[in-house]
Amino acid sequence: MGEFSIMHILVVAIILLVFFGPSRLPGLGQSIGKAIRGFKDGLSETQNDVQPPTSTAPPQAPRQIPPVEEASTEASSIKSEKYKS
């Protein structure tokens, strides 16, 4: 498989003229162009959906979770007495 040359393009053009005729070729080219544009638009929309939106707000520091206070000795002694009986 080599590069496309002018000869390749002429052969494809002649085949298109034979199959579709000169009156249908402009409409065919137009519909192919619309399909390619729609495909490109669909790709750009999916890329926008995948990428997270950039925010202009300054970054915030992560919230600090306050340490859990240990239960008082009175509460723990009441619990231990409850379970002993």
N, C-alpha and C. Protein backbone atom coordinates (compact mmCIF):
# COMPACT_ATOMS: atom_id res chain seq x y z
N MET A 1 0.84 -1.17 0.00
CA MET A 1 0.00 0.00 0.00
C MET A 1 0.89 1.24 0.00
N GLY A 2 0.76 1.99 -1.03
CA GLY A 2 1.56 3.19 -1.14
C GLY A 2 0.72 4.43 -0.89
N GLU A 3 1.28 5.55 -1.29
CA GLU A 3 0.57 6.81 -1.14
C GLU A 3 -0.45 6.96 -2.26
N PHE A 4 -1.42 7.84 -2.04
CA PHE A 4 -2.39 8.12 -3.10
C PHE A 4 -1.75 9.05 -4.11
N SER A 5 -1.89 8.72 -5.35
CA SER A 5 -1.38 9.59 -6.41
C SER A 5 -2.56 10.18 -7.16
N ILE A 6 -2.27 11.02 -8.12
CA ILE A 6 -3.33 11.64 -8.91
C ILE A 6 -4.08 10.55 -9.70
N MET A 7 -3.36 9.52 -10.09
CA MET A 7 -4.00 8.43 -10.84
C MET A 7 -5.06 7.73 -10.00
N HIS A 8 -4.78 7.50 -8.73
CA HIS A 8 -5.76 6.87 -7.84
C HIS A 8 -7.01 7.73 -7.70
N ILE A 9 -6.81 9.02 -7.52
CA ILE A 9 -7.93 9.94 -7.36
C ILE A 9 -8.79 9.97 -8.63
N LEU A 10 -8.15 9.97 -9.81
CA LEU A 10 -8.91 9.96 -11.07
C LEU A 10 -9.73 8.68 -11.23
N VAL A 11 -9.17 7.55 -10.86
CA VAL A 11 -9.91 6.29 -10.96
C VAL A 11 -11.13 6.31 -10.05
N VAL A 12 -10.97 6.79 -8.83
CA VAL A 12 -12.10 6.87 -7.89
C VAL A 12 -13.15 7.85 -8.43
N ALA A 13 -12.73 8.97 -8.98
CA ALA A 13 -13.67 9.96 -9.53
C ALA A 13 -14.45 9.37 -10.69
N ILE A 14 -13.79 8.62 -11.57
CA ILE A 14 -14.49 8.01 -12.71
C ILE A 14 -15.51 6.98 -12.23
N ILE A 15 -15.13 6.18 -11.24
CA ILE A 15 -16.06 5.18 -10.70
C ILE A 15 -17.28 5.87 -10.08
N LEU A 16 -17.06 6.96 -9.36
CA LEU A 16 -18.18 7.69 -8.76
C LEU A 16 -19.10 8.27 -9.84
N LEU A 17 -18.51 8.80 -10.92
CA LEU A 17 -19.33 9.34 -12.00
C LEU A 17 -20.17 8.26 -12.66
N VAL A 18 -19.61 7.06 -12.81
CA VAL A 18 -20.35 5.99 -13.45
C VAL A 18 -21.50 5.54 -12.57
N PHE A 19 -21.25 5.39 -11.28
CA PHE A 19 -22.30 4.88 -10.38
C PHE A 19 -23.39 5.91 -10.08
N PHE A 20 -23.00 7.14 -9.81
CA PHE A 20 -23.98 8.12 -9.34
C PHE A 20 -24.39 9.14 -10.39
N GLY A 21 -23.60 9.36 -11.39
CA GLY A 21 -23.93 10.35 -12.41
C GLY A 21 -23.55 11.75 -11.96
N PRO A 22 -23.37 12.64 -12.92
CA PRO A 22 -22.92 14.00 -12.59
C PRO A 22 -23.95 14.83 -11.82
N SER A 23 -25.23 14.50 -11.92
CA SER A 23 -26.24 15.31 -11.24
C SER A 23 -26.32 15.00 -9.75
N ARG A 24 -25.93 13.80 -9.33
CA ARG A 24 -26.04 13.42 -7.92
C ARG A 24 -24.76 13.68 -7.12
N LEU A 25 -23.65 13.90 -7.78
CA LEU A 25 -22.38 14.05 -7.06
C LEU A 25 -22.35 15.24 -6.10
N PRO A 26 -22.86 16.42 -6.47
CA PRO A 26 -22.84 17.53 -5.49
C PRO A 26 -23.63 17.22 -4.22
N GLY A 27 -24.77 16.61 -4.37
CA GLY A 27 -25.58 16.25 -3.20
C GLY A 27 -24.90 15.18 -2.35
N LEU A 28 -24.23 14.25 -3.02
CA LEU A 28 -23.50 13.20 -2.31
C LEU A 28 -22.35 13.80 -1.50
N GLY A 29 -21.61 14.72 -2.12
CA GLY A 29 -20.51 15.38 -1.40
C GLY A 29 -21.01 16.20 -0.21
N GLN A 30 -22.13 16.85 -0.41
CA GLN A 30 -22.71 17.66 0.68
C GLN A 30 -23.15 16.77 1.84
N SER A 31 -23.78 15.66 1.56
CA SER A 31 -24.23 14.78 2.64
C SER A 31 -23.05 14.12 3.35
N ILE A 32 -21.99 13.80 2.62
CA ILE A 32 -20.79 13.25 3.27
C ILE A 32 -20.15 14.31 4.17
N GLY A 33 -20.13 15.57 3.71
CA GLY A 33 -19.57 16.65 4.52
C GLY A 33 -20.36 16.86 5.81
N LYS A 34 -21.68 16.80 5.72
CA LYS A 34 -22.52 16.94 6.92
C LYS A 34 -22.29 15.78 7.89
N ALA A 35 -22.12 14.58 7.34
CA ALA A 35 -21.88 13.43 8.21
C ALA A 35 -20.55 13.55 8.93
N ILE A 36 -19.53 14.02 8.24
CA ILE A 36 -18.21 14.19 8.87
C ILE A 36 -18.28 15.27 9.94
N ARG A 37 -18.96 16.38 9.64
CA ARG A 37 -19.11 17.44 10.65
C ARG A 37 -19.86 16.96 11.88
N GLY A 38 -20.91 16.19 11.67
CA GLY A 38 -21.67 15.64 12.80
C GLY A 38 -20.83 14.69 13.63
N PHE A 39 -20.00 13.91 12.97
CA PHE A 39 -19.12 13.00 13.68
C PHE A 39 -18.11 13.76 14.53
N LYS A 40 -17.51 14.80 13.96
CA LYS A 40 -16.55 15.62 14.71
C LYS A 40 -17.21 16.31 15.89
N ASP A 41 -18.42 16.82 15.69
CA ASP A 41 -19.15 17.47 16.79
C ASP A 41 -19.45 16.47 17.90
N GLY A 42 -19.83 15.26 17.52
CA GLY A 42 -20.10 14.22 18.52
C GLY A 42 -18.85 13.86 19.31
N LEU A 43 -17.71 13.81 18.63
CA LEU A 43 -16.46 13.52 19.33
C LEU A 43 -16.10 14.63 20.31
N SER A 44 -16.26 15.88 19.90
CA SER A 44 -15.92 16.98 20.79
C SER A 44 -16.86 17.03 21.99
N GLU A 45 -18.13 16.67 21.81
CA GLU A 45 -19.07 16.65 22.93
C GLU A 45 -18.70 15.57 23.94
N THR A 46 -18.30 14.40 23.45
CA THR A 46 -17.92 13.33 24.38
C THR A 46 -16.63 13.67 25.09
N GLN A 47 -15.72 14.37 24.45
CA GLN A 47 -14.49 14.77 25.11
C GLN A 47 -14.78 15.80 26.18
N ASN A 48 -15.75 16.69 25.94
CA ASN A 48 -16.13 17.68 26.95
C ASN A 48 -16.79 17.00 28.14
N ASP A 49 -17.55 15.93 27.89
CA ASP A 49 -18.20 15.21 28.97
C ASP A 49 -17.20 14.47 29.83
N VAL A 50 -16.14 13.96 29.23
CA VAL A 50 -15.15 13.17 29.95
C VAL A 50 -14.26 14.07 30.80
N GLN A 51 -13.87 15.22 30.28
CA GLN A 51 -12.98 16.11 31.01
C GLN A 51 -13.78 16.89 32.05
N PRO A 52 -13.26 16.94 33.31
CA PRO A 52 -13.99 17.70 34.33
C PRO A 52 -13.89 19.19 34.03
N PRO A 53 -14.93 19.94 34.33
CA PRO A 53 -14.88 21.37 34.07
C PRO A 53 -13.86 22.04 34.97
N THR A 54 -13.16 23.01 34.43
CA THR A 54 -12.17 23.73 35.22
C THR A 54 -12.88 24.79 36.04
N SER A 55 -12.48 24.93 37.28
CA SER A 55 -13.10 25.87 38.19
C SER A 55 -12.20 27.08 38.36
N THR A 56 -12.80 28.27 38.47
CA THR A 56 -12.03 29.48 38.69
C THR A 56 -11.93 29.80 40.18
N ALA A 57 -12.58 29.03 41.01
CA ALA A 57 -12.54 29.25 42.46
C ALA A 57 -11.18 28.80 42.99
N PRO A 58 -10.65 29.49 44.00
CA PRO A 58 -9.37 29.06 44.56
C PRO A 58 -9.49 27.70 45.24
N PRO A 59 -8.44 26.94 45.22
CA PRO A 59 -8.52 25.62 45.86
C PRO A 59 -8.70 25.76 47.37
N GLN A 60 -9.47 24.87 47.93
CA GLN A 60 -9.74 24.90 49.36
C GLN A 60 -8.94 23.81 50.04
N ALA A 61 -8.54 24.10 51.28
CA ALA A 61 -7.83 23.10 52.06
C ALA A 61 -8.81 22.02 52.49
N PRO A 62 -8.35 20.78 52.59
CA PRO A 62 -9.26 19.72 53.03
C PRO A 62 -9.74 19.98 54.46
N ARG A 63 -10.99 19.59 54.72
CA ARG A 63 -11.54 19.80 56.05
C ARG A 63 -10.87 18.86 57.04
N GLN A 64 -10.61 19.38 58.21
CA GLN A 64 -10.01 18.58 59.28
C GLN A 64 -11.13 17.97 60.12
N ILE A 65 -11.05 16.69 60.37
CA ILE A 65 -12.02 16.02 61.22
C ILE A 65 -11.54 16.13 62.65
N PRO A 66 -12.39 16.64 63.55
CA PRO A 66 -11.94 16.79 64.94
C PRO A 66 -11.69 15.41 65.56
N PRO A 67 -10.71 15.33 66.46
CA PRO A 67 -10.43 14.04 67.09
C PRO A 67 -11.61 13.59 67.97
N VAL A 68 -11.77 12.30 68.06
CA VAL A 68 -12.84 11.74 68.87
C VAL A 68 -12.39 11.77 70.33
N GLU A 69 -13.25 12.32 71.17
CA GLU A 69 -12.91 12.38 72.59
C GLU A 69 -13.20 11.03 73.22
N GLU A 70 -12.35 10.62 74.11
CA GLU A 70 -12.56 9.34 74.78
C GLU A 70 -13.67 9.48 75.81
N ALA A 71 -14.36 8.40 76.00
CA ALA A 71 -15.47 8.41 76.96
C ALA A 71 -14.93 8.67 78.36
N SER A 72 -15.73 9.33 79.16
CA SER A 72 -15.29 9.62 80.52
C SER A 72 -15.21 8.33 81.33
N THR A 73 -14.45 8.35 82.37
CA THR A 73 -14.28 7.15 83.19
C THR A 73 -15.57 6.78 83.89
N GLU A 74 -16.41 7.77 84.21
CA GLU A 74 -17.68 7.47 84.86
C GLU A 74 -18.58 6.67 83.93
N ALA A 75 -18.66 7.08 82.68
CA ALA A 75 -19.52 6.38 81.74
C ALA A 75 -19.01 4.97 81.50
N SER A 76 -17.70 4.80 81.41
CA SER A 76 -17.17 3.47 81.16
C SER A 76 -17.34 2.57 82.37
N SER A 77 -17.26 3.15 83.58
CA SER A 77 -17.46 2.33 84.77
C SER A 77 -18.92 1.91 84.91
N ILE A 78 -19.84 2.77 84.52
CA ILE A 78 -21.26 2.42 84.57
C ILE A 78 -21.55 1.29 83.59
N LYS A 79 -20.96 1.37 82.40
CA LYS A 79 -21.17 0.32 81.41
C LYS A 79 -20.59 -1.01 81.89
N SER A 80 -19.40 -0.96 82.48
CA SER A 80 -18.78 -2.20 82.91
C SER A 80 -19.57 -2.84 84.06
N GLU A 81 -20.15 -2.03 84.97
CA GLU A 81 -20.98 -2.56 86.04
C GLU A 81 -22.26 -3.17 85.50
N LYS A 82 -22.79 -2.57 84.46
CA LYS A 82 -24.03 -3.07 83.88
C LYS A 82 -23.82 -4.46 83.28
N TYR A 83 -22.69 -4.68 82.63
CA TYR A 83 -22.44 -5.96 82.00
C TYR A 83 -21.96 -7.03 82.96
N LYS A 84 -21.47 -6.65 84.15
CA LYS A 84 -21.00 -7.62 85.12
C LYS A 84 -22.14 -8.39 85.73
N SER A 85 -23.27 -7.79 85.90
CA SER A 85 -24.38 -8.45 86.58
C SER A 85 -25.18 -9.37 85.73
